[in-house]
């Protein structure tokens, strides 16, 4: 799953990328792991933001376009770019273990841009399975590494003898066709024009897809994942820009259980409090994923504890049917 390529990129292109990265206006303060209070240097090349899941190919500067062209054949056939940025680490500015995404249908590609690198300088990209290191990659000039974005990894600190900035270019891609249910959901959301509705971080469509992905990453039942991906289609007590008024459309497309969940979710006032007091696992999952995507799930609350401890089900098992009233 972690692929290392030493001859996939034209070295003239890599030099162009390095020259580009050397001149960007680095900004200090980017945290690879939000739970740790330390940061590194970063430059968001396409200004897409951390939550973007839309195609940014038309935002690429000229130097990035041939890089994407060389990278694309190494990715799933339906992959498209969603983020592109450069990272810079110096002595004393290290990374910390993190995942780039909780979603299983995204791939991270990292290309190392320093023209020379010695093992004494450190700076390896290290990958984990649990607490164990499963692979380390030295930042050799022009080396490309691709990996699922939900693998825990870290850019290790450069040593005190390292006289240069460790510079990498990162491009993240999404490949939704790995999940037939997601493809069906995304098509439906376009049909009801959720992509035209503004939300806190991008469009409503993007928020709903991310909510679906969060539920999927927790191994929530398939029908709950779909309901989470549709939870604001009728509007909610906090979101009034309605996409859909015909309740039969969701039922006919995704089934009665999904429609019941979406309808119940949309009608609740003081929703979080009601759901926390309810016995509905389905609604708790939907609300926890909804709040998590907006950075609104408060630590230590009953809902956050439930979300943290939820272990999920196998997606080969029978979905939950119905929902507990609140």
C-alpha atoms as a PDB file:
ATOM      1  CA  UNK A   1       0.000   0.000   0.000  1.00  0.00           C
ATOM      2  CA  UNK A   2       3.011   2.283   0.493  1.00  0.00           C
ATOM      3  CA  UNK A   3       4.692   2.638  -2.895  1.00  0.00           C
ATOM      4  CA  UNK A   4       8.141   4.207  -3.396  1.00  0.00           C
ATOM      5  CA  UNK A   5       9.234   5.317  -6.884  1.00  0.00           C
ATOM      6  CA  UNK A   6      12.736   6.533  -7.678  1.00  0.00           C
ATOM      7  CA  UNK A   7      12.365   6.881 -11.467  1.00  0.00           C
ATOM      8  CA  UNK A   8       8.739   7.911 -11.936  1.00  0.00           C
ATOM      9  CA  UNK A   9       9.456  11.641 -12.256  1.00  0.00           C
ATOM     10  CA  UNK A  10      11.576  13.533 -14.738  1.00  0.00           C
ATOM     11  CA  UNK A  11      14.442  15.065 -12.744  1.00  0.00           C
ATOM     12  CA  UNK A  12      14.233  18.320 -14.708  1.00  0.00           C
ATOM     13  CA  UNK A  13      10.645  18.575 -13.500  1.00  0.00           C
ATOM     14  CA  UNK A  14      11.745  17.891  -9.916  1.00  0.00           C
ATOM     15  CA  UNK A  15      14.313  20.696 -10.182  1.00  0.00           C
ATOM     16  CA  UNK A  16      11.561  23.006 -11.435  1.00  0.00           C
ATOM     17  CA  UNK A  17       9.402  22.029  -8.461  1.00  0.00           C
ATOM     18  CA  UNK A  18      12.309  22.688  -6.099  1.00  0.00           C
ATOM     19  CA  UNK A  19      12.938  26.132  -7.643  1.00  0.00           C
ATOM     20  CA  UNK A  20       9.228  26.882  -7.292  1.00  0.00           C
ATOM     21  CA  UNK A  21       9.107  25.733  -3.651  1.00  0.00           C
ATOM     22  CA  UNK A  22      12.249  27.694  -2.711  1.00  0.00           C
ATOM     23  CA  UNK A  23      10.487  30.932  -3.652  1.00  0.00           C
ATOM     24  CA  UNK A  24       7.049  30.417  -2.089  1.00  0.00           C
ATOM     25  CA  UNK A  25       6.013  32.656   0.847  1.00  0.00           C
ATOM     26  CA  UNK A  26       6.308  30.054   3.608  1.00  0.00           C
ATOM     27  CA  UNK A  27       3.936  30.463   6.518  1.00  0.00           C
ATOM     28  CA  UNK A  28       4.804  29.058   9.940  1.00  0.00           C
ATOM     29  CA  UNK A  29       2.066  27.524  12.066  1.00  0.00           C
ATOM     30  CA  UNK A  30       0.756  24.475  10.226  1.00  0.00           C
ATOM     31  CA  UNK A  31       0.190  21.559  12.627  1.00  0.00           C
ATOM     32  CA  UNK A  32       0.441  18.049  11.240  1.00  0.00           C
ATOM     33  CA  UNK A  33      -1.208  16.819  14.442  1.00  0.00           C
ATOM     34  CA  UNK A  34      -3.703  19.232  16.016  1.00  0.00           C
ATOM     35  CA  UNK A  35      -3.458  17.527  19.402  1.00  0.00           C
ATOM     36  CA  UNK A  36       0.214  18.537  19.649  1.00  0.00           C
ATOM     37  CA  UNK A  37       0.956  22.222  20.096  1.00  0.00           C
ATOM     38  CA  UNK A  38       3.853  22.476  17.645  1.00  0.00           C
ATOM     39  CA  UNK A  39       3.900  23.375  13.969  1.00  0.00           C
ATOM     40  CA  UNK A  40       6.025  23.594  10.817  1.00  0.00           C
ATOM     41  CA  UNK A  41       6.338  25.721   7.683  1.00  0.00           C
ATOM     42  CA  UNK A  42       3.720  25.275   4.972  1.00  0.00           C
ATOM     43  CA  UNK A  43       2.448  26.840   1.750  1.00  0.00           C
ATOM     44  CA  UNK A  44      -0.990  25.931   0.373  1.00  0.00           C
ATOM     45  CA  UNK A  45      -0.331  26.069  -3.375  1.00  0.00           C
ATOM     46  CA  UNK A  46      -3.921  25.848  -4.588  1.00  0.00           C
ATOM     47  CA  UNK A  47      -5.607  27.496  -1.579  1.00  0.00           C
ATOM     48  CA  UNK A  48      -8.044  24.601  -1.385  1.00  0.00           C
ATOM     49  CA  UNK A  49      -8.208  24.314   2.416  1.00  0.00           C
ATOM     50  CA  UNK A  50      -7.949  21.216   4.550  1.00  0.00           C
ATOM     51  CA  UNK A  51     -11.520  20.021   4.024  1.00  0.00           C
ATOM     52  CA  UNK A  52     -11.719  20.268   0.252  1.00  0.00           C
ATOM     53  CA  UNK A  53     -12.923  17.227  -1.715  1.00  0.00           C
ATOM     54  CA  UNK A  54     -13.549  18.989  -5.047  1.00  0.00           C
ATOM     55  CA  UNK A  55     -11.331  18.717  -8.124  1.00  0.00           C
ATOM     56  CA  UNK A  56      -8.626  21.443  -8.062  1.00  0.00           C
ATOM     57  CA  UNK A  57      -6.882  20.597 -11.326  1.00  0.00           C
ATOM     58  CA  UNK A  58      -7.949  23.933 -12.841  1.00  0.00           C
ATOM     59  CA  UNK A  59      -6.193  25.729  -9.961  1.00  0.00           C
ATOM     60  CA  UNK A  60      -2.767  24.228 -10.603  1.00  0.00           C
ATOM     61  CA  UNK A  61       0.042  26.688 -11.365  1.00  0.00           C
ATOM     62  CA  UNK A  62       1.931  25.841 -14.541  1.00  0.00           C
ATOM     63  CA  UNK A  63       4.756  23.971 -12.777  1.00  0.00           C
ATOM     64  CA  UNK A  64       2.322  21.561 -11.054  1.00  0.00           C
ATOM     65  CA  UNK A  65       0.500  20.489 -14.220  1.00  0.00           C
ATOM     66  CA  UNK A  66       3.249  18.183 -15.596  1.00  0.00           C
ATOM     67  CA  UNK A  67       3.752  16.734 -12.093  1.00  0.00           C
ATOM     68  CA  UNK A  68       0.080  15.754 -11.957  1.00  0.00           C
ATOM     69  CA  UNK A  69       0.336  14.290 -15.474  1.00  0.00           C
ATOM     70  CA  UNK A  70       3.222  12.032 -14.381  1.00  0.00           C
ATOM     71  CA  UNK A  71       1.565  11.115 -11.093  1.00  0.00           C
ATOM     72  CA  UNK A  72      -1.899  10.260 -12.403  1.00  0.00           C
ATOM     73  CA  UNK A  73      -1.011   6.868 -13.992  1.00  0.00           C
ATOM     74  CA  UNK A  74       0.205   5.686 -10.559  1.00  0.00           C
ATOM     75  CA  UNK A  75      -3.186   6.379  -8.940  1.00  0.00           C
ATOM     76  CA  UNK A  76      -6.600   4.686  -9.250  1.00  0.00           C
ATOM     77  CA  UNK A  77      -8.128   5.484 -12.661  1.00  0.00           C
ATOM     78  CA  UNK A  78     -10.863   7.733 -11.292  1.00  0.00           C
ATOM     79  CA  UNK A  79      -8.552   9.784  -9.037  1.00  0.00           C
ATOM     80  CA  UNK A  80      -8.631  13.565  -9.122  1.00  0.00           C
ATOM     81  CA  UNK A  81      -6.602  16.105  -7.096  1.00  0.00           C
ATOM     82  CA  UNK A  82      -8.123  17.745  -4.023  1.00  0.00           C
ATOM     83  CA  UNK A  83      -5.143  19.410  -2.276  1.00  0.00           C
ATOM     84  CA  UNK A  84      -1.632  20.503  -3.211  1.00  0.00           C
ATOM     85  CA  UNK A  85       0.868  22.141  -0.859  1.00  0.00           C
ATOM     86  CA  UNK A  86       4.517  22.315   0.116  1.00  0.00           C
ATOM     87  CA  UNK A  87       6.016  21.546   3.532  1.00  0.00           C
ATOM     88  CA  UNK A  88       9.270  22.789   5.024  1.00  0.00           C
ATOM     89  CA  UNK A  89      11.023  21.370   8.103  1.00  0.00           C
ATOM     90  CA  UNK A  90      14.136  22.763   9.760  1.00  0.00           C
ATOM     91  CA  UNK A  91      16.100  21.615  12.798  1.00  0.00           C
ATOM     92  CA  UNK A  92      13.803  21.995  15.815  1.00  0.00           C
ATOM     93  CA  UNK A  93      10.663  22.018  13.638  1.00  0.00           C
ATOM     94  CA  UNK A  94       9.545  18.414  13.498  1.00  0.00           C
ATOM     95  CA  UNK A  95       6.361  16.615  12.531  1.00  0.00           C
ATOM     96  CA  UNK A  96       4.182  14.365  14.685  1.00  0.00           C
ATOM     97  CA  UNK A  97       2.307  11.135  13.849  1.00  0.00           C
ATOM     98  CA  UNK A  98      -0.955  11.845  12.034  1.00  0.00           C
ATOM     99  CA  UNK A  99      -3.314  10.747   9.280  1.00  0.00           C
ATOM    100  CA  UNK A 100      -3.893  13.048   6.327  1.00  0.00           C
ATOM    101  CA  UNK A 101      -7.531  11.938   6.195  1.00  0.00           C
ATOM    102  CA  UNK A 102      -9.850   9.496   7.941  1.00  0.00           C
ATOM    103  CA  UNK A 103     -11.304   8.572   4.564  1.00  0.00           C
ATOM    104  CA  UNK A 104     -10.292   5.358   2.815  1.00  0.00           C
ATOM    105  CA  UNK A 105     -10.730   6.680  -0.730  1.00  0.00           C
ATOM    106  CA  UNK A 106      -7.912   9.239  -0.734  1.00  0.00           C
ATOM    107  CA  UNK A 107      -4.237   8.886  -1.649  1.00  0.00           C
ATOM    108  CA  UNK A 108      -1.324  11.082  -0.596  1.00  0.00           C
ATOM    109  CA  UNK A 109       1.682  11.557  -2.876  1.00  0.00           C
ATOM    110  CA  UNK A 110       4.893  13.113  -1.540  1.00  0.00           C
ATOM    111  CA  UNK A 111       7.871  14.107  -3.682  1.00  0.00           C
ATOM    112  CA  UNK A 112      11.191  14.990  -2.026  1.00  0.00           C
ATOM    113  CA  UNK A 113      12.800  18.100  -3.504  1.00  0.00           C
ATOM    114  CA  UNK A 114      16.209  18.487  -1.817  1.00  0.00           C
ATOM    115  CA  UNK A 115      18.997  18.003  -4.376  1.00  0.00           C
ATOM    116  CA  UNK A 116      21.147  16.115  -1.900  1.00  0.00           C
ATOM    117  CA  UNK A 117      20.402  14.320   1.327  1.00  0.00           C
ATOM    118  CA  UNK A 118      22.545  12.320   3.766  1.00  0.00           C
ATOM    119  CA  UNK A 119      21.301   9.752   6.238  1.00  0.00           C
ATOM    120  CA  UNK A 120      22.940  11.729   9.067  1.00  0.00           C
ATOM    121  CA  UNK A 121      20.457  14.520   8.376  1.00  0.00           C
ATOM    122  CA  UNK A 122      17.424  12.428   9.446  1.00  0.00           C
ATOM    123  CA  UNK A 123      14.087  13.674   8.095  1.00  0.00           C
ATOM    124  CA  UNK A 124      12.707  10.270   7.083  1.00  0.00           C
ATOM    125  CA  UNK A 125       8.991   9.753   6.463  1.00  0.00           C
ATOM    126  CA  UNK A 126       8.006   7.010   8.889  1.00  0.00           C
ATOM    127  CA  UNK A 127       4.830   4.899   8.653  1.00  0.00           C
ATOM    128  CA  UNK A 128       3.079   3.144  11.531  1.00  0.00           C
ATOM    129  CA  UNK A 129       0.715   0.287  12.149  1.00  0.00           C
ATOM    130  CA  UNK A 130      -0.456   0.880  15.695  1.00  0.00           C
ATOM    131  CA  UNK A 131       2.670   1.694  17.697  1.00  0.00           C
ATOM    132  CA  UNK A 132       5.035  -0.192  15.393  1.00  0.00           C
ATOM    133  CA  UNK A 133       7.050   1.318  12.533  1.00  0.00           C
ATOM    134  CA  UNK A 134       6.336  -0.579   9.317  1.00  0.00           C
ATOM    135  CA  UNK A 135       8.360   1.498   6.854  1.00  0.00           C
ATOM    136  CA  UNK A 136      10.771   4.420   6.672  1.00  0.00           C
ATOM    137  CA  UNK A 137      11.486   6.440   3.519  1.00  0.00           C
ATOM    138  CA  UNK A 138      14.620   8.582   3.161  1.00  0.00           C
ATOM    139  CA  UNK A 139      13.977  11.946   1.410  1.00  0.00           C
ATOM    140  CA  UNK A 140      16.072  11.285  -1.673  1.00  0.00           C
ATOM    141  CA  UNK A 141      15.949  13.873  -4.491  1.00  0.00           C
ATOM    142  CA  UNK A 142      13.109  13.113  -6.919  1.00  0.00           C
ATOM    143  CA  UNK A 143      11.804  10.167  -4.889  1.00  0.00           C
ATOM    144  CA  UNK A 144       8.028   9.819  -4.910  1.00  0.00           C
ATOM    145  CA  UNK A 145       6.026   7.946  -2.289  1.00  0.00           C
ATOM    146  CA  UNK A 146       2.293   7.280  -2.497  1.00  0.00           C
ATOM    147  CA  UNK A 147       0.136   5.853   0.279  1.00  0.00           C
ATOM    148  CA  UNK A 148      -3.485   5.741   1.521  1.00  0.00           C
ATOM    149  CA  UNK A 149      -4.149   9.021   3.316  1.00  0.00           C
ATOM    150  CA  UNK A 150      -5.528   7.204   6.379  1.00  0.00           C
ATOM    151  CA  UNK A 151      -2.181   5.541   7.203  1.00  0.00           C
ATOM    152  CA  UNK A 152      -0.497   7.080  10.261  1.00  0.00           C
ATOM    153  CA  UNK A 153       2.827   8.648   9.303  1.00  0.00           C
ATOM    154  CA  UNK A 154       5.250  11.397  10.333  1.00  0.00           C
ATOM    155  CA  UNK A 155       8.020  13.534   8.899  1.00  0.00           C
ATOM    156  CA  UNK A 156      10.833  12.846  11.328  1.00  0.00           C
ATOM    157  CA  UNK A 157      12.930  15.745  12.609  1.00  0.00           C
ATOM    158  CA  UNK A 158      16.051  16.768  10.737  1.00  0.00           C
ATOM    159  CA  UNK A 159      19.235  16.538  12.800  1.00  0.00           C
ATOM    160  CA  UNK A 160      21.310  19.414  14.135  1.00  0.00           C
ATOM    161  CA  UNK A 161      23.977  18.759  11.479  1.00  0.00           C
ATOM    162  CA  UNK A 162      21.476  19.275   8.638  1.00  0.00           C
ATOM    163  CA  UNK A 163      22.314  22.648   7.007  1.00  0.00           C
ATOM    164  CA  UNK A 164      19.253  22.880   4.704  1.00  0.00           C
ATOM    165  CA  UNK A 165      15.478  23.055   4.797  1.00  0.00           C
ATOM    166  CA  UNK A 166      13.776  19.697   4.208  1.00  0.00           C
ATOM    167  CA  UNK A 167      11.273  20.529   1.447  1.00  0.00           C
ATOM    168  CA  UNK A 168       8.510  18.293   0.124  1.00  0.00           C
ATOM    169  CA  UNK A 169       5.636  18.736  -2.281  1.00  0.00           C
ATOM    170  CA  UNK A 170       2.394  16.989  -1.343  1.00  0.00           C
ATOM    171  CA  UNK A 171      -0.543  16.232  -3.620  1.00  0.00           C
ATOM    172  CA  UNK A 172      -3.660  14.511  -2.339  1.00  0.00           C
ATOM    173  CA  UNK A 173      -6.201  12.824  -4.581  1.00  0.00           C
ATOM    174  CA  UNK A 174      -9.642  11.320  -4.197  1.00  0.00           C
ATOM    175  CA  UNK A 175     -11.046   8.270  -5.967  1.00  0.00           C
ATOM    176  CA  UNK A 176     -14.766   7.959  -5.159  1.00  0.00           C
ATOM    177  CA  UNK A 177     -15.500   5.037  -7.505  1.00  0.00           C
ATOM    178  CA  UNK A 178     -13.937   2.699  -4.962  1.00  0.00           C
ATOM    179  CA  UNK A 179     -17.303   2.959  -3.166  1.00  0.00           C
ATOM    180  CA  UNK A 180     -20.413   2.359  -5.314  1.00  0.00           C
ATOM    181  CA  UNK A 181     -22.675   3.674  -2.569  1.00  0.00           C
ATOM    182  CA  UNK A 182     -20.705   6.925  -2.418  1.00  0.00           C
ATOM    183  CA  UNK A 183     -20.949   7.347  -6.199  1.00  0.00           C
ATOM    184  CA  UNK A 184     -24.737   6.943  -6.020  1.00  0.00           C
ATOM    185  CA  UNK A 185     -24.974   9.421  -3.121  1.00  0.00           C
ATOM    186  CA  UNK A 186     -22.776  12.013  -4.816  1.00  0.00           C
ATOM    187  CA  UNK A 187     -24.797  11.802  -8.038  1.00  0.00           C
ATOM    188  CA  UNK A 188     -28.037  12.284  -6.079  1.00  0.00           C
ATOM    189  CA  UNK A 189     -26.644  15.325  -4.254  1.00  0.00           C
ATOM    190  CA  UNK A 190     -25.693  16.920  -7.558  1.00  0.00           C
ATOM    191  CA  UNK A 191     -29.195  16.243  -8.861  1.00  0.00           C
ATOM    192  CA  UNK A 192     -30.777  18.097  -5.925  1.00  0.00           C
ATOM    193  CA  UNK A 193     -28.192  20.891  -6.362  1.00  0.00           C
ATOM    194  CA  UNK A 194     -26.539  20.507  -2.953  1.00  0.00           C
ATOM    195  CA  UNK A 195     -23.355  21.710  -4.659  1.00  0.00           C
ATOM    196  CA  UNK A 196     -24.963  25.172  -5.071  1.00  0.00           C
ATOM    197  CA  UNK A 197     -25.705  25.606  -1.340  1.00  0.00           C
ATOM    198  CA  UNK A 198     -23.080  27.293   0.815  1.00  0.00           C
ATOM    199  CA  UNK A 199     -21.965  25.663   4.037  1.00  0.00           C
ATOM    200  CA  UNK A 200     -19.380  26.336   6.730  1.00  0.00           C
ATOM    201  CA  UNK A 201     -16.456  24.737   4.861  1.00  0.00           C
ATOM    202  CA  UNK A 202     -17.311  24.890   1.165  1.00  0.00           C
ATOM    203  CA  UNK A 203     -20.591  23.672  -0.292  1.00  0.00           C
ATOM    204  CA  UNK A 204     -23.343  21.635   1.366  1.00  0.00           C
ATOM    205  CA  UNK A 205     -22.505  18.765  -0.978  1.00  0.00           C
ATOM    206  CA  UNK A 206     -18.929  18.702   0.298  1.00  0.00           C
ATOM    207  CA  UNK A 207     -20.090  18.744   3.937  1.00  0.00           C
ATOM    208  CA  UNK A 208     -22.535  15.890   3.301  1.00  0.00           C
ATOM    209  CA  UNK A 209     -19.951  13.772   1.485  1.00  0.00           C
ATOM    210  CA  UNK A 210     -17.436  14.319   4.281  1.00  0.00           C
ATOM    211  CA  UNK A 211     -20.103  13.336   6.843  1.00  0.00           C
ATOM    212  CA  UNK A 212     -20.749  10.144   4.872  1.00  0.00           C
ATOM    213  CA  UNK A 213     -17.007   9.452   4.729  1.00  0.00           C
ATOM    214  CA  UNK A 214     -16.609   9.957   8.477  1.00  0.00           C
ATOM    215  CA  UNK A 215     -19.385   7.465   9.150  1.00  0.00           C
ATOM    216  CA  UNK A 216     -17.893   5.035   6.665  1.00  0.00           C
ATOM    217  CA  UNK A 217     -14.501   5.365   8.362  1.00  0.00           C
ATOM    218  CA  UNK A 218     -16.153   4.373  11.672  1.00  0.00           C
ATOM    219  CA  UNK A 219     -17.755   1.319  10.013  1.00  0.00           C
ATOM    220  CA  UNK A 220     -21.243   2.631  10.654  1.00  0.00           C
ATOM    221  CA  UNK A 221     -24.078   0.622   9.026  1.00  0.00           C
ATOM    222  CA  UNK A 222     -24.474   1.446   5.316  1.00  0.00           C
ATOM    223  CA  UNK A 223     -27.933   2.955   5.761  1.00  0.00           C
ATOM    224  CA  UNK A 224     -26.624   5.235   8.522  1.00  0.00           C
ATOM    225  CA  UNK A 225     -23.752   6.327   6.263  1.00  0.00           C
ATOM    226  CA  UNK A 226     -26.267   7.253   3.566  1.00  0.00           C
ATOM    227  CA  UNK A 227     -28.535   9.061   6.034  1.00  0.00           C
ATOM    228  CA  UNK A 228     -25.533  11.008   7.317  1.00  0.00           C
ATOM    229  CA  UNK A 229     -24.737  11.933   3.732  1.00  0.00           C
ATOM    230  CA  UNK A 230     -28.278  13.262   3.318  1.00  0.00           C
ATOM    231  CA  UNK A 231     -28.925  14.660   6.783  1.00  0.00           C
ATOM    232  CA  UNK A 232     -29.492  18.280   5.702  1.00  0.00           C
ATOM    233  CA  UNK A 233     -31.337  17.619   2.426  1.00  0.00           C
ATOM    234  CA  UNK A 234     -34.594  18.768   4.041  1.00  0.00           C
ATOM    235  CA  UNK A 235     -32.825  21.474   6.026  1.00  0.00           C
ATOM    236  CA  UNK A 236     -32.322  21.336   9.787  1.00  0.00           C
ATOM    237  CA  UNK A 237     -32.992  23.557  12.793  1.00  0.00           C
ATOM    238  CA  UNK A 238     -29.619  25.221  12.110  1.00  0.00           C
ATOM    239  CA  UNK A 239     -29.476  25.007   8.303  1.00  0.00           C
ATOM    240  CA  UNK A 240     -32.443  26.486   6.468  1.00  0.00           C
ATOM    241  CA  UNK A 241     -31.391  26.307   2.806  1.00  0.00           C
ATOM    242  CA  UNK A 242     -33.590  23.382   1.770  1.00  0.00           C
ATOM    243  CA  UNK A 243     -32.567  21.215  -1.198  1.00  0.00           C
ATOM    244  CA  UNK A 244     -35.483  18.837  -1.243  1.00  0.00           C
ATOM    245  CA  UNK A 245     -39.158  18.947  -0.257  1.00  0.00           C
ATOM    246  CA  UNK A 246     -40.342  15.707  -1.853  1.00  0.00           C
ATOM    247  CA  UNK A 247     -39.717  13.115   0.852  1.00  0.00           C
ATOM    248  CA  UNK A 248     -40.558  10.257  -1.507  1.00  0.00           C
ATOM    249  CA  UNK A 249     -37.436  10.935  -3.564  1.00  0.00           C
ATOM    250  CA  UNK A 250     -35.016   9.801  -0.841  1.00  0.00           C
ATOM    251  CA  UNK A 251     -37.229   6.841   0.040  1.00  0.00           C
ATOM    252  CA  UNK A 252     -37.495   5.708  -3.585  1.00  0.00           C
ATOM    253  CA  UNK A 253     -33.740   6.100  -4.141  1.00  0.00           C
ATOM    254  CA  UNK A 254     -32.220   4.907  -0.853  1.00  0.00           C
ATOM    255  CA  UNK A 255     -35.033   3.168   1.036  1.00  0.00           C
ATOM    256  CA  UNK A 256     -37.465   3.878   3.850  1.00  0.00           C
ATOM    257  CA  UNK A 257     -34.971   3.461   6.700  1.00  0.00           C
ATOM    258  CA  UNK A 258     -32.669   6.129   5.252  1.00  0.00           C
ATOM    259  CA  UNK A 259     -35.593   8.505   4.652  1.00  0.00           C
ATOM    260  CA  UNK A 260     -36.902   8.007   8.199  1.00  0.00           C
ATOM    261  CA  UNK A 261     -33.504   8.872   9.649  1.00  0.00           C
ATOM    262  CA  UNK A 262     -33.087  11.967   7.472  1.00  0.00           C
ATOM    263  CA  UNK A 263     -36.629  13.155   8.213  1.00  0.00           C
ATOM    264  CA  UNK A 264     -36.239  12.643  11.982  1.00  0.00           C
ATOM    265  CA  UNK A 265     -32.870  14.390  12.011  1.00  0.00           C
ATOM    266  CA  UNK A 266     -34.258  17.380  10.101  1.00  0.00           C
ATOM    267  CA  UNK A 267     -37.166  17.965  12.501  1.00  0.00           C
ATOM    268  CA  UNK A 268     -35.296  17.956  15.816  1.00  0.00           C
ATOM    269  CA  UNK A 269     -34.977  21.174  17.817  1.00  0.00           C
ATOM    270  CA  UNK A 270     -32.091  21.409  20.311  1.00  0.00           C
ATOM    271  CA  UNK A 271     -30.902  18.475  18.273  1.00  0.00           C
ATOM    272  CA  UNK A 272     -27.662  17.539  20.011  1.00  0.00           C
ATOM    273  CA  UNK A 273     -29.251  17.516  23.448  1.00  0.00           C
ATOM    274  CA  UNK A 274     -32.227  15.464  22.269  1.00  0.00           C
ATOM    275  CA  UNK A 275     -30.048  12.966  20.474  1.00  0.00           C
ATOM    276  CA  UNK A 276     -27.694  12.590  23.462  1.00  0.00           C
ATOM    277  CA  UNK A 277     -30.715  11.731  25.630  1.00  0.00           C
ATOM    278  CA  UNK A 278     -32.157   9.342  23.071  1.00  0.00           C
ATOM    279  CA  UNK A 279     -31.505   5.659  22.630  1.00  0.00           C
ATOM    280  CA  UNK A 280     -30.886   6.013  18.901  1.00  0.00           C
ATOM    281  CA  UNK A 281     -27.416   4.826  17.947  1.00  0.00           C
ATOM    282  CA  UNK A 282     -28.146   5.834  14.350  1.00  0.00           C
ATOM    283  CA  UNK A 283     -28.955   9.460  15.178  1.00  0.00           C
ATOM    284  CA  UNK A 284     -26.003   9.702  17.553  1.00  0.00           C
ATOM    285  CA  UNK A 285     -23.690   8.559  14.782  1.00  0.00           C
ATOM    286  CA  UNK A 286     -25.171  11.051  12.312  1.00  0.00           C
ATOM    287  CA  UNK A 287     -24.905  13.990  14.697  1.00  0.00           C
ATOM    288  CA  UNK A 288     -21.398  13.079  15.873  1.00  0.00           C
ATOM    289  CA  UNK A 289     -20.151  12.878  12.283  1.00  0.00           C
ATOM    290  CA  UNK A 290     -21.952  16.120  11.383  1.00  0.00           C
ATOM    291  CA  UNK A 291     -20.345  17.984  14.297  1.00  0.00           C
ATOM    292  CA  UNK A 292     -16.929  16.383  13.801  1.00  0.00           C
ATOM    293  CA  UNK A 293     -16.757  17.666  10.235  1.00  0.00           C
ATOM    294  CA  UNK A 294     -17.417  21.206  11.499  1.00  0.00           C
ATOM    295  CA  UNK A 295     -14.979  20.940  14.456  1.00  0.00           C
ATOM    296  CA  UNK A 296     -17.980  21.354  16.773  1.00  0.00           C
ATOM    297  CA  UNK A 297     -17.943  18.026  18.620  1.00  0.00           C
ATOM    298  CA  UNK A 298     -16.931  19.090  22.122  1.00  0.00           C
ATOM    299  CA  UNK A 299     -14.435  16.899  23.952  1.00  0.00           C
ATOM    300  CA  UNK A 300     -15.777  15.090  26.993  1.00  0.00           C
ATOM    301  CA  UNK A 301     -19.448  15.371  26.075  1.00  0.00           C
ATOM    302  CA  UNK A 302     -21.573  12.194  26.011  1.00  0.00           C
ATOM    303  CA  UNK A 303     -21.768  12.376  22.226  1.00  0.00           C
ATOM    304  CA  UNK A 304     -17.989  12.764  21.817  1.00  0.00           C
ATOM    305  CA  UNK A 305     -17.345   9.840  24.178  1.00  0.00           C
ATOM    306  CA  UNK A 306     -19.864   7.727  22.258  1.00  0.00           C
ATOM    307  CA  UNK A 307     -18.204   8.627  18.931  1.00  0.00           C
ATOM    308  CA  UNK A 308     -14.717   7.932  20.232  1.00  0.00           C
ATOM    309  CA  UNK A 309     -15.682   4.521  21.597  1.00  0.00           C
ATOM    310  CA  UNK A 310     -17.926   3.378  18.752  1.00  0.00           C
ATOM    311  CA  UNK A 311     -16.372   0.299  17.172  1.00  0.00           C
ATOM    312  CA  UNK A 312     -18.661  -0.103  14.179  1.00  0.00           C
ATOM    313  CA  UNK A 313     -19.806  -3.148  12.282  1.00  0.00           C
ATOM    314  CA  UNK A 314     -18.576  -5.106   9.326  1.00  0.00           C
ATOM    315  CA  UNK A 315     -20.068  -3.716   6.133  1.00  0.00           C
ATOM    316  CA  UNK A 316     -20.911  -7.274   5.152  1.00  0.00           C
ATOM    317  CA  UNK A 317     -23.450  -7.539   7.971  1.00  0.00           C
ATOM    318  CA  UNK A 318     -27.127  -6.714   7.818  1.00  0.00           C
ATOM    319  CA  UNK A 319     -27.782  -2.952   8.158  1.00  0.00           C
ATOM    320  CA  UNK A 320     -29.703  -1.546  11.100  1.00  0.00           C
ATOM    321  CA  UNK A 321     -33.391  -1.195  10.265  1.00  0.00           C
ATOM    322  CA  UNK A 322     -35.493   1.623  11.631  1.00  0.00           C
ATOM    323  CA  UNK A 323     -34.563   4.109  14.316  1.00  0.00           C
ATOM    324  CA  UNK A 324     -35.423   4.810  17.901  1.00  0.00           C
ATOM    325  CA  UNK A 325     -37.746   7.768  18.311  1.00  0.00           C
ATOM    326  CA  UNK A 326     -36.559  10.777  20.304  1.00  0.00           C
END
